[in-house]
Amino acid sequence: MVVKVFCEEEFTDHEHEWIQFKEIYKLIEAEYGEKDVPVYIIANFRTVRSQIDIAILLTKGIVVIDLKSYYGEIVGGQEREWIVKTGTDEKCLPKNLFKQLTDQKWDFFEILSRTPEISNRIPEDKLKKVQAWGYFEAGSSYDRNQIEKRNHVWFDVVDKDGLPEKLKHFSKPGYLLNEKDMQAIVSKLNLKPYEEIGNSENIKTEFRYFNQDIKETSKPLDETLQEFFASLEFTPELRSVITKAVYDVYEGRTDEAVPLIERAIEKSARTYGPSNKNTLTLMSYLATLYQKIDLLNESEKLFLELLEIRKNTLGGDAHEIPETLNEIAGLYIKKGDFQSAEKYAEEARELLEVHYGPEVFELTETLSILGKIYFFREKHDLAESSFKRALEIRENVLGSEGFLVSDSLVDLAEFYLHELEFTKAEELCKQALKIRIKDVVGPEHFSVAWTYDFLADIYLAQGKKEESKLSYEKALEIWTNTLGLHHPNTQIVLSKLSLFS
C-alpha cells in the first residue's frame, strides 16, 4: 500500500528538516510500501502549544518525531540541558528535548481525544500512549539511562539506522488504528495531501539563490573539466575516471559519479600522496557531491579532514584554507546549523583580512556567505553591511558589470525583499537582470530565467500582477527551451502562472 503524506505547509524554514523528512519517508516506504496496511505520515503542522515536525500513523500506534540536525554523542535528561558532543566540540540544543517532546506527546493526545471517531471507540488511558522521539543524524548515540525509563517508555532518541527497528518493536498502546481513523486525524488537523501543497514559494523564509544546484546547472561541462585539468597533472587512467565522473554529474547521475571519485581519490593518494594538491582537489569535489545528494554527515567529515590537512601542510596565507572554510560554512547553512556556519565563515574572513587586507577580492565570497548567515540569525544590520561591502569590493575591482556583481545585487535584493523594502529590491534585481542579459551570459542563460522568476516574485509582493505575469512568462520560455517542459523549475513557474488564470 502506498504511504500517504499530508502536511499543513512545506518545510521552507530550514532545509535540514526537508532533508530529514525525505530520509524518513524513504525508510517508511521501504518498510511498509509493499505491505497491505495503511501508513500515514503527517508533517509540519501546528497544535495548540507545539509545532510538530512529523507524526507517523501506524495501525499499531502513533509516533511523534522532532527533527534535529545534530550529529554526535547526545547528553541530556528530564531537567538537564541537552548537549551534542562531536569530538572536542559541544553544541547546546535550544530547548530541553525531553520537555519539548512531552509537550508534543500531550498535544497529540488532545487531538485524539477531540476526534470522536477515535475517542468514542478507544479508552483514554490507551490514547495517551503516544510515542515521541527525537531524530538525530546518522551515527549519533544516546544513553537511554539518562531518562527514568520505567515511567517514560514513550520517549527515545533515534537516527536513520535505528528508526526502522524501533518502529517494529516499540511498546504497543493496546489498540489498532484503521485507515478511517487516520483520515479522521488528518481532517481534524485540516491537513492537505502533500502533492496539493505544491512547491511553496514563500519569499520570506529563505535565500533561494544560495543553492549549489543553481550554480552547478549554470556551469558548462567543459568549464568544470578545465578546473580539474588546467593546473593539475593526472595520469591518463585518473583523467579518464574523473572525466566520466564529471560527465555523470552533468547528466544528473550523481550516485554513479560518487564511487568513481572515491576510487580516484584512493588512486591519487597512492600515486601522489594523501596531501598532494591533486588528492585534495578530488576530496573537495567529493565532499561537494556528498552534499548534493544529502549525505551531509559524509560531506562534513570529508570537509573537516580536508581543512585539517590543508592547515597542517600549507602556510597560514594559503588561499585554499579560507576557501575550505567557506565550503564548510555553506554545508552548515544547508544543515541549519547557523552557529557553526558563522564560526567557520568568520574564521575565513579573519584569515583573508589579516593576510591580504580588507579589500581583497576573495573576501567577497565570504562576506556574501556571512550576510546570509547573519540574516538567518536575525542579525539584520550585519547582514546588510556584509552584502553591501561585498558589492562595493566587486564593483571596485570589476566595475559595474560582471556576473559576481550581479550576484551581490541579487543578495541585496533578496535581503530588502525580506525586509519588505520592495522598491529597493526591485531596482537591484533589475540591475542584476540587465547585467546578466547584456554583459555576461546572454538572454537564454539559466541564471537569467531565475532572475526573471525572482523579479516576478518582487512584483507580485507589491501587487503588480501584470508585470509579475510577464516576468514569469519570460522565465518559463527560457526554462522550457533550455531544461524542457518536465524539469522542476519549469513546472514551478507553470504553477505560479496558473494563479493568474
Protein backbone atom coordinates (compact mmCIF):
# COMPACT_ATOMS: atom_id res chain seq x y z
CA MET A 1 0.00 0.00 0.00
CA VAL A 2 1.23 3.49 -0.82
CA VAL A 3 2.50 5.50 2.16
CA LYS A 4 0.35 8.63 2.23
CA VAL A 5 1.78 12.02 3.19
CA PHE A 6 -0.17 15.03 4.49
CA CYS A 7 1.01 18.36 5.82
CA GLU A 8 -0.07 21.85 6.79
CA GLU A 9 2.78 23.58 4.97
CA GLU A 10 6.10 22.76 3.36
CA PHE A 11 9.46 22.63 5.11
CA THR A 12 10.58 26.10 4.00
CA ASP A 13 12.20 27.47 7.16
CA HIS A 14 15.06 25.00 7.44
CA GLU A 15 16.42 22.89 4.65
CA HIS A 16 17.72 20.27 7.10
CA GLU A 17 14.11 19.46 8.08
CA TRP A 18 13.21 18.81 4.45
CA ILE A 19 16.29 16.57 4.07
CA GLN A 20 15.46 14.57 7.19
CA PHE A 21 11.79 14.36 6.20
CA LYS A 22 12.78 12.81 2.85
CA GLU A 23 15.12 10.43 4.69
CA ILE A 24 12.34 9.23 7.00
CA TYR A 25 9.87 8.93 4.13
CA LYS A 26 12.27 6.64 2.24
CA LEU A 27 12.73 4.46 5.34
CA ILE A 28 8.96 4.17 5.88
CA GLU A 29 8.30 3.49 2.20
CA ALA A 30 10.96 0.76 2.14
CA GLU A 31 9.50 -0.92 5.23
CA TYR A 32 5.76 -0.57 4.60
CA GLY A 33 5.31 0.30 0.92
CA GLU A 34 4.72 -3.31 -0.15
CA LYS A 35 2.59 -4.29 2.86
CA ASP A 36 -1.19 -4.29 2.80
CA VAL A 37 -1.57 -1.92 5.77
CA PRO A 38 -2.30 1.81 5.82
CA VAL A 39 0.54 4.14 6.82
CA TYR A 40 0.14 7.91 7.05
CA ILE A 41 2.92 10.44 7.55
CA ILE A 42 1.64 13.84 8.68
CA ALA A 43 4.17 16.62 8.74
CA ASN A 44 4.91 20.22 9.67
CA PHE A 45 1.68 21.09 11.47
CA ARG A 46 0.72 23.18 14.47
CA THR A 47 -1.10 22.18 17.63
CA VAL A 48 -2.23 24.44 20.47
CA ARG A 49 1.25 24.57 22.07
CA SER A 50 3.64 22.96 19.59
CA GLN A 51 4.92 22.84 16.06
CA ILE A 52 5.23 19.14 15.23
CA ASP A 53 7.68 18.10 12.53
CA ILE A 54 6.40 14.58 11.83
CA ALA A 55 3.85 12.11 13.18
CA ILE A 56 3.77 8.56 11.82
CA LEU A 57 0.34 6.91 11.97
CA LEU A 58 0.61 3.11 12.02
CA THR A 59 -2.07 0.54 12.67
CA LYS A 60 -0.30 -0.39 15.92
CA GLY A 61 0.16 3.16 17.23
CA ILE A 62 1.37 6.72 16.72
CA VAL A 63 4.89 8.12 16.82
CA VAL A 64 5.64 11.86 17.02
CA ILE A 65 9.13 12.80 15.77
CA ASP A 66 11.08 16.01 16.31
CA LEU A 67 13.85 16.56 13.73
CA LYS A 68 17.30 17.58 14.97
CA SER A 69 20.15 18.46 12.60
CA TYR A 70 22.90 17.41 15.00
CA TYR A 71 25.43 14.59 14.99
CA GLY A 72 27.41 13.14 17.89
CA GLU A 73 27.06 11.87 21.45
CA ILE A 74 23.83 13.25 22.89
CA VAL A 75 23.73 14.14 26.56
CA GLY A 76 20.54 15.27 28.29
CA GLY A 77 17.85 14.34 30.78
CA GLN A 78 14.47 15.33 32.12
CA GLU A 79 15.68 18.55 33.78
CA ARG A 80 19.22 18.97 32.43
CA GLU A 81 20.45 20.97 29.46
CA TRP A 82 20.79 18.95 26.26
CA ILE A 83 24.22 18.92 24.61
CA VAL A 84 25.59 17.22 21.49
CA LYS A 85 29.30 16.31 21.66
CA THR A 86 31.32 15.81 18.49
CA GLY A 87 34.99 15.28 19.30
CA THR A 88 36.04 18.31 21.34
CA ASP A 89 33.13 20.40 20.08
CA GLU A 90 29.91 20.81 22.07
CA LYS A 91 26.62 22.30 20.91
CA CYS A 92 23.68 23.13 23.20
CA LEU A 93 20.19 22.39 21.95
CA PRO A 94 17.96 25.49 22.14
CA LYS A 95 15.36 23.60 24.21
CA ASN A 96 15.24 20.64 26.58
CA LEU A 97 14.33 17.82 24.19
CA PHE A 98 12.54 15.76 26.82
CA LYS A 99 10.25 18.65 27.77
CA GLN A 100 9.73 19.56 24.11
CA LEU A 101 8.62 16.02 23.26
CA THR A 102 6.49 15.82 26.41
CA ASP A 103 4.51 18.83 25.17
CA GLN A 104 4.19 17.33 21.69
CA LYS A 105 3.06 13.96 23.07
CA TRP A 106 0.26 15.51 25.15
CA ASP A 107 -0.72 17.88 22.36
CA PHE A 108 -1.24 14.92 20.07
CA PHE A 109 -3.21 13.08 22.75
CA GLU A 110 -5.54 16.10 22.93
CA ILE A 111 -6.04 15.88 19.16
CA LEU A 112 -7.01 12.21 19.51
CA SER A 113 -9.34 12.90 22.42
CA ARG A 114 -11.14 15.57 20.35
CA THR A 115 -11.57 13.23 17.37
CA PRO A 116 -14.87 11.44 18.10
CA GLU A 117 -14.31 8.70 15.51
CA ILE A 118 -11.38 7.61 17.71
CA SER A 119 -12.18 8.76 21.25
CA ASN A 120 -15.62 7.12 21.19
CA ARG A 121 -14.03 3.77 20.45
CA ILE A 122 -10.67 3.75 22.23
CA PRO A 123 -10.27 4.29 26.02
CA GLU A 124 -8.45 7.45 27.13
CA ASP A 125 -5.70 5.59 29.00
CA LYS A 126 -4.73 3.86 25.76
CA LEU A 127 -4.91 7.02 23.65
CA LYS A 128 -2.32 8.57 25.97
CA LYS A 129 0.28 6.03 24.80
CA VAL A 130 1.66 8.21 22.02
CA GLN A 131 5.37 7.68 21.32
CA ALA A 132 7.61 10.77 20.98
CA TRP A 133 11.19 10.51 19.70
CA GLY A 134 14.00 12.88 18.80
CA TYR A 135 15.52 12.14 15.37
CA PHE A 136 19.24 12.95 15.01
CA GLU A 137 21.69 12.47 12.16
CA ALA A 138 23.03 9.01 11.36
CA GLY A 139 25.76 7.76 13.70
CA SER A 140 24.56 9.73 16.73
CA SER A 141 24.31 7.97 20.09
CA TYR A 142 22.24 8.43 23.24
CA ASP A 143 22.43 6.59 26.57
CA ARG A 144 18.80 5.83 27.38
CA ASN A 145 19.67 5.57 31.10
CA GLN A 146 19.79 9.36 31.28
CA ILE A 147 15.96 9.25 31.38
CA GLU A 148 13.99 7.34 34.01
CA LYS A 149 12.84 4.58 31.67
CA ARG A 150 10.07 2.84 33.57
CA ASN A 151 7.67 5.79 33.53
CA HIS A 152 8.77 7.18 30.16
CA VAL A 153 8.76 4.23 27.78
CA TRP A 154 7.24 6.58 25.19
CA PHE A 155 10.45 8.63 24.93
CA ASP A 156 13.54 7.80 22.87
CA VAL A 157 16.28 9.19 20.64
CA VAL A 158 16.79 7.58 17.23
CA ASP A 159 18.67 8.09 13.98
CA LYS A 160 18.44 6.83 10.40
CA ASP A 161 19.98 3.47 11.28
CA GLY A 162 17.86 2.83 14.37
CA LEU A 163 14.44 4.12 13.26
CA PRO A 164 13.25 1.09 11.23
CA GLU A 165 13.98 -1.38 14.06
CA LYS A 166 12.49 0.94 16.68
CA LEU A 167 9.26 1.21 14.65
CA LYS A 168 8.98 -2.58 14.61
CA HIS A 169 9.37 -3.05 18.35
CA PHE A 170 8.06 -0.02 20.24
CA SER A 171 5.63 -0.59 23.09
CA LYS A 172 2.15 -1.09 21.61
CA PRO A 173 -0.70 1.01 23.07
CA GLY A 174 -3.29 -1.77 23.11
CA TYR A 175 -5.46 -0.66 20.20
CA LEU A 176 -5.42 -0.72 16.40
CA LEU A 177 -5.95 2.21 14.07
CA ASN A 178 -7.67 1.72 10.73
CA GLU A 179 -7.45 4.00 7.72
CA LYS A 180 -10.71 5.75 8.63
CA ASP A 181 -9.14 6.69 11.97
CA MET A 182 -6.06 8.06 10.20
CA GLN A 183 -8.21 10.06 7.80
CA ALA A 184 -10.20 11.45 10.74
CA ILE A 185 -6.95 12.74 12.31
CA VAL A 186 -5.94 14.35 9.02
CA SER A 187 -9.36 16.02 8.75
CA LYS A 188 -9.25 17.19 12.36
CA LEU A 189 -5.93 18.92 11.71
CA ASN A 190 -7.15 20.27 8.35
CA LEU A 191 -4.11 18.88 6.53
CA LYS A 192 -3.73 18.50 2.78
CA PRO A 193 -2.15 15.75 0.67
CA TYR A 194 1.45 16.75 0.06
CA GLU A 195 1.04 16.95 -3.73
CA GLU A 196 -1.67 19.60 -3.27
CA ILE A 197 0.67 21.84 -1.32
CA GLY A 198 2.95 22.11 -4.36
CA ASN A 199 6.30 23.86 -4.31
CA SER A 200 5.71 26.76 -1.96
CA GLU A 201 7.46 29.97 -2.92
CA ASN A 202 7.25 31.73 0.43
CA ILE A 203 9.64 34.53 -0.35
CA LYS A 204 10.10 35.48 3.29
CA THR A 205 11.60 32.23 4.52
CA GLU A 206 14.88 31.53 2.76
CA PHE A 207 17.55 32.75 0.38
CA ARG A 208 16.70 30.69 -2.67
CA TYR A 209 19.78 31.83 -4.53
CA PHE A 210 22.12 30.23 -2.02
CA ASN A 211 21.62 26.91 -3.73
CA GLN A 212 24.50 24.89 -5.11
CA ASP A 213 22.25 23.18 -7.68
CA ILE A 214 21.70 26.52 -9.43
CA LYS A 215 25.42 27.20 -9.64
CA GLU A 216 26.18 23.70 -10.91
CA THR A 217 23.46 23.80 -13.54
CA SER A 218 24.77 27.07 -14.87
CA LYS A 219 28.37 25.81 -15.22
CA PRO A 220 29.21 24.19 -18.58
CA LEU A 221 30.72 20.69 -18.63
CA ASP A 222 33.97 21.80 -20.28
CA GLU A 223 34.43 24.53 -17.66
CA THR A 224 34.17 22.00 -14.83
CA LEU A 225 36.69 19.69 -16.51
CA GLN A 226 39.01 22.63 -17.15
CA GLU A 227 39.03 23.37 -13.42
CA PHE A 228 40.40 19.89 -12.80
CA PHE A 229 42.95 19.67 -15.59
CA ALA A 230 44.18 23.24 -16.13
CA SER A 231 46.59 23.29 -13.19
CA LEU A 232 46.67 19.62 -12.15
CA GLU A 233 48.55 16.73 -13.71
CA PHE A 234 46.79 13.35 -13.59
CA THR A 235 47.74 10.00 -15.07
CA PRO A 236 45.72 9.05 -18.17
CA GLU A 237 43.79 6.47 -16.11
CA LEU A 238 42.82 9.00 -13.45
CA ARG A 239 41.98 11.58 -16.08
CA SER A 240 39.59 9.12 -17.70
CA VAL A 241 37.88 8.28 -14.37
CA ILE A 242 37.47 11.95 -13.45
CA THR A 243 36.07 12.86 -16.87
CA LYS A 244 33.49 10.05 -16.61
CA ALA A 245 32.50 11.17 -13.09
CA VAL A 246 32.09 14.83 -14.04
CA TYR A 247 30.05 13.82 -17.09
CA ASP A 248 27.79 11.69 -14.85
CA VAL A 249 27.23 14.68 -12.55
CA TYR A 250 26.43 16.92 -15.51
CA GLU A 251 23.87 14.36 -16.73
CA GLY A 252 22.28 14.07 -13.29
CA ARG A 253 23.79 10.67 -12.40
CA THR A 254 25.45 11.85 -9.20
CA ASP A 255 25.02 8.48 -7.47
CA GLU A 256 27.15 6.89 -10.22
CA ALA A 257 29.77 9.64 -10.02
CA VAL A 258 30.43 9.26 -6.28
CA PRO A 259 32.12 5.80 -6.37
CA LEU A 260 34.22 6.93 -9.33
CA ILE A 261 35.56 9.94 -7.42
CA GLU A 262 36.09 7.81 -4.30
CA ARG A 263 38.19 5.45 -6.42
CA ALA A 264 40.06 8.37 -7.97
CA ILE A 265 40.95 9.70 -4.51
CA GLU A 266 42.38 6.32 -3.48
CA LYS A 267 44.45 6.09 -6.66
CA SER A 268 45.61 9.70 -6.36
CA ALA A 269 46.65 9.20 -2.74
CA ARG A 270 48.72 6.15 -3.70
CA THR A 271 50.23 7.85 -6.74
CA TYR A 272 50.85 11.38 -5.49
CA GLY A 273 50.35 11.20 -1.72
CA PRO A 274 47.39 11.89 0.59
CA SER A 275 48.23 15.60 0.99
CA ASN A 276 49.05 16.27 -2.66
CA LYS A 277 47.10 19.03 -4.39
CA ASN A 278 45.55 16.54 -6.83
CA THR A 279 44.20 14.40 -3.99
CA LEU A 280 42.90 17.36 -2.02
CA THR A 281 41.11 18.81 -5.06
CA LEU A 282 39.33 15.49 -5.57
CA MET A 283 38.43 15.36 -1.87
CA SER A 284 36.85 18.80 -2.12
CA TYR A 285 34.85 17.77 -5.18
CA LEU A 286 33.64 14.58 -3.47
CA ALA A 287 32.58 16.49 -0.33
CA THR A 288 30.51 18.77 -2.58
CA LEU A 289 28.93 15.74 -4.29
CA TYR A 290 28.06 14.23 -0.91
CA GLN A 291 26.32 17.49 -0.05
CA LYS A 292 24.43 17.49 -3.35
CA ILE A 293 22.88 14.06 -2.65
CA ASP A 294 22.14 14.91 1.01
CA LEU A 295 24.92 12.80 2.55
CA LEU A 296 25.62 15.71 4.87
CA ASN A 297 27.50 13.81 7.58
CA GLU A 298 29.85 12.32 5.00
CA SER A 299 30.33 15.76 3.47
CA GLU A 300 31.06 17.32 6.86
CA LYS A 301 33.57 14.63 7.79
CA LEU A 302 35.44 14.96 4.50
CA PHE A 303 35.49 18.76 4.51
CA LEU A 304 36.84 18.81 8.10
CA GLU A 305 39.51 16.26 7.17
CA LEU A 306 40.42 18.38 4.16
CA LEU A 307 40.66 21.50 6.32
CA GLU A 308 42.96 19.80 8.82
CA ILE A 309 45.30 18.57 6.07
CA ARG A 310 45.47 21.99 4.46
CA LYS A 311 46.15 23.73 7.77
CA ASN A 312 48.92 21.26 8.56
CA THR A 313 50.59 21.37 5.14
CA LEU A 314 50.02 24.90 3.85
CA GLY A 315 51.03 28.28 5.22
CA GLY A 316 48.52 30.46 7.03
CA ASP A 317 48.25 32.72 3.99
CA ALA A 318 47.25 29.91 1.60
CA HIS A 319 44.01 30.80 -0.21
CA GLU A 320 42.84 27.17 -0.10
CA ILE A 321 42.19 27.42 3.64
CA PRO A 322 39.56 30.20 3.56
CA GLU A 323 38.05 28.51 0.50
CA THR A 324 37.59 25.32 2.51
CA LEU A 325 36.24 27.29 5.48
CA ASN A 326 33.66 28.87 3.16
CA GLU A 327 32.64 25.44 1.87
CA ILE A 328 32.19 24.16 5.42
CA ALA A 329 30.13 27.23 6.33
CA GLY A 330 27.91 26.58 3.30
CA LEU A 331 27.43 22.97 4.42
CA TYR A 332 26.35 24.05 7.90
CA ILE A 333 23.88 26.52 6.37
CA LYS A 334 22.33 23.61 4.50
CA LYS A 335 22.18 21.63 7.77
CA GLY A 336 20.50 24.56 9.51
CA ASP A 337 23.39 24.89 11.99
CA PHE A 338 23.93 28.62 11.60
CA GLN A 339 26.05 28.94 14.74
CA SER A 340 28.70 26.60 13.29
CA ALA A 341 28.34 28.22 9.87
CA GLU A 342 29.13 31.62 11.36
CA LYS A 343 32.15 30.26 13.23
CA TYR A 344 33.82 28.94 10.05
CA ALA A 345 32.87 31.90 7.87
CA GLU A 346 34.24 34.35 10.47
CA GLU A 347 37.50 32.39 10.56
CA ALA A 348 37.73 32.67 6.77
CA ARG A 349 37.08 36.41 6.93
CA GLU A 350 39.75 36.95 9.59
CA LEU A 351 42.36 34.96 7.63
CA LEU A 352 41.72 36.90 4.43
CA GLU A 353 41.77 40.29 6.13
CA VAL A 354 44.97 39.55 8.08
CA HIS A 355 46.94 38.10 5.17
CA TYR A 356 45.54 40.01 2.20
CA GLY A 357 43.82 43.12 3.55
CA PRO A 358 40.20 44.29 3.99
CA GLU A 359 39.62 44.99 0.26
CA VAL A 360 40.90 41.74 -1.26
CA PHE A 361 38.52 40.38 -3.91
CA GLU A 362 38.49 36.84 -2.48
CA LEU A 363 36.85 38.26 0.64
CA THR A 364 33.60 38.91 -1.25
CA GLU A 365 32.50 35.27 -1.29
CA THR A 366 32.99 35.06 2.47
CA LEU A 367 31.07 38.31 3.00
CA SER A 368 28.21 37.01 0.89
CA ILE A 369 28.05 33.81 2.97
CA LEU A 370 28.24 35.79 6.20
CA GLY A 371 25.40 38.04 5.04
CA LYS A 372 23.13 35.02 4.65
CA ILE A 373 24.19 33.57 8.00
CA TYR A 374 23.60 36.90 9.77
CA PHE A 375 20.17 37.11 8.17
CA PHE A 376 19.21 33.62 9.31
CA ARG A 377 20.42 34.50 12.82
CA GLU A 378 18.36 37.72 12.72
CA LYS A 379 21.43 39.98 12.82
CA HIS A 380 19.93 42.12 10.07
CA ASP A 381 22.22 45.14 10.36
CA LEU A 382 25.28 42.90 9.99
CA ALA A 383 23.65 41.07 7.07
CA GLU A 384 23.01 44.30 5.18
CA SER A 385 26.52 45.67 5.79
CA SER A 386 28.11 42.37 4.66
CA PHE A 387 26.14 42.32 1.41
CA LYS A 388 26.93 45.98 0.74
CA ARG A 389 30.63 45.51 1.46
CA ALA A 390 30.81 42.53 -0.91
CA LEU A 391 29.11 44.57 -3.66
CA GLU A 392 31.41 47.56 -3.12
CA ILE A 393 34.59 45.45 -3.39
CA ARG A 394 33.32 43.66 -6.51
CA GLU A 395 32.38 46.93 -8.21
CA ASN A 396 35.78 48.44 -7.32
CA VAL A 397 37.54 45.51 -8.99
CA LEU A 398 35.16 44.63 -11.84
CA GLY A 399 33.36 47.90 -12.46
CA SER A 400 29.58 47.93 -12.68
CA GLU A 401 29.50 44.74 -14.74
CA GLY A 402 30.36 41.11 -14.22
CA PHE A 403 28.43 38.07 -13.04
CA LEU A 404 29.71 38.35 -9.46
CA VAL A 405 28.48 41.94 -9.32
CA SER A 406 25.05 40.69 -10.34
CA ASP A 407 25.31 38.02 -7.61
CA SER A 408 25.83 40.72 -4.99
CA LEU A 409 22.95 42.78 -6.38
CA VAL A 410 20.68 39.73 -6.05
CA ASP A 411 21.86 39.11 -2.48
CA LEU A 412 20.91 42.66 -1.53
CA ALA A 413 17.64 42.45 -3.44
CA GLU A 414 16.64 39.32 -1.53
CA PHE A 415 17.61 40.96 1.74
CA TYR A 416 15.44 44.01 1.04
CA LEU A 417 12.58 41.80 -0.11
CA HIS A 418 12.65 40.06 3.27
CA GLU A 419 12.73 43.49 4.91
CA LEU A 420 9.67 44.48 2.84
CA GLU A 421 11.62 47.28 1.13
CA PHE A 422 10.15 46.41 -2.25
CA THR A 423 11.34 49.46 -4.20
CA LYS A 424 14.98 48.77 -3.34
CA ALA A 425 14.58 45.05 -4.07
CA GLU A 426 13.01 45.73 -7.48
CA GLU A 427 15.67 48.21 -8.56
CA LEU A 428 18.56 45.95 -7.55
CA CYS A 429 17.02 42.92 -9.24
CA LYS A 430 16.53 44.90 -12.47
CA GLN A 431 20.19 45.93 -12.37
CA ALA A 432 21.24 42.29 -11.96
CA LEU A 433 18.99 41.20 -14.83
CA LYS A 434 20.43 43.86 -17.14
CA ILE A 435 23.99 42.76 -16.36
CA ARG A 436 23.20 39.11 -16.95
CA ILE A 437 21.41 39.68 -20.25
CA LYS A 438 23.67 42.30 -21.79
CA ASP A 439 27.12 41.94 -20.33
CA VAL A 440 27.66 38.38 -19.15
CA VAL A 441 25.71 35.31 -20.16
CA GLY A 442 23.07 36.25 -22.75
CA PRO A 443 19.27 36.18 -22.75
CA GLU A 444 18.83 32.37 -22.74
CA HIS A 445 21.03 31.56 -19.75
CA PHE A 446 19.72 29.64 -16.72
CA SER A 447 20.54 32.50 -14.35
CA VAL A 448 18.55 34.94 -16.50
CA ALA A 449 15.48 32.74 -16.17
CA TRP A 450 15.95 32.59 -12.43
CA THR A 451 16.31 36.40 -12.23
CA TYR A 452 13.08 36.89 -14.20
CA ASP A 453 11.40 34.48 -11.79
CA PHE A 454 12.74 36.38 -8.79
CA LEU A 455 11.72 39.75 -10.26
CA ALA A 456 8.22 38.35 -10.79
CA ASP A 457 8.08 37.44 -7.10
CA ILE A 458 9.01 41.01 -6.19
CA TYR A 459 6.33 42.42 -8.49
CA LEU A 460 3.76 40.05 -7.05
CA ALA A 461 4.65 41.08 -3.48
CA GLN A 462 3.79 44.66 -4.50
CA GLY A 463 0.54 43.69 -6.20
CA LYS A 464 1.92 44.40 -9.70
CA LYS A 465 0.17 41.43 -11.28
CA GLU A 466 0.67 42.31 -14.97
CA GLU A 467 4.41 42.88 -14.55
CA SER A 468 4.66 39.71 -12.47
CA LYS A 469 2.90 37.57 -15.06
CA LEU A 470 5.10 38.92 -17.87
CA SER A 471 8.29 38.11 -15.95
CA TYR A 472 7.08 34.60 -15.09
CA GLU A 473 6.32 34.04 -18.80
CA LYS A 474 9.86 35.09 -19.76
CA ALA A 475 11.31 32.70 -17.18
CA LEU A 476 9.06 29.93 -18.46
CA GLU A 477 10.15 30.46 -22.06
CA ILE A 478 13.85 30.17 -21.17
CA TRP A 479 13.44 27.15 -18.90
CA THR A 480 11.23 25.35 -21.41
CA ASN A 481 13.81 25.92 -24.17
CA THR A 482 16.85 25.01 -22.09
CA LEU A 483 15.63 22.48 -19.50
CA GLY A 484 12.46 21.08 -21.04
CA LEU A 485 8.82 21.13 -20.05
CA HIS A 486 9.09 18.49 -17.32
CA HIS A 487 12.02 19.98 -15.40
CA PRO A 488 11.05 21.03 -11.81
CA ASN A 489 11.98 24.67 -12.47
CA THR A 490 9.65 24.77 -15.48
CA GLN A 491 6.84 23.13 -13.53
CA ILE A 492 7.20 25.59 -10.64
CA VAL A 493 6.78 28.59 -12.94
CA LEU A 494 3.82 26.92 -14.63
CA SER A 495 2.18 26.51 -11.22
CA LYS A 496 2.78 30.20 -10.47
CA LEU A 497 1.27 31.25 -13.78
CA SER A 498 -1.81 29.14 -13.10
CA LEU A 499 -2.66 31.60 -10.31
CA PHE A 500 -3.26 34.31 -12.93
CA SER A 501 -5.81 32.35 -14.96
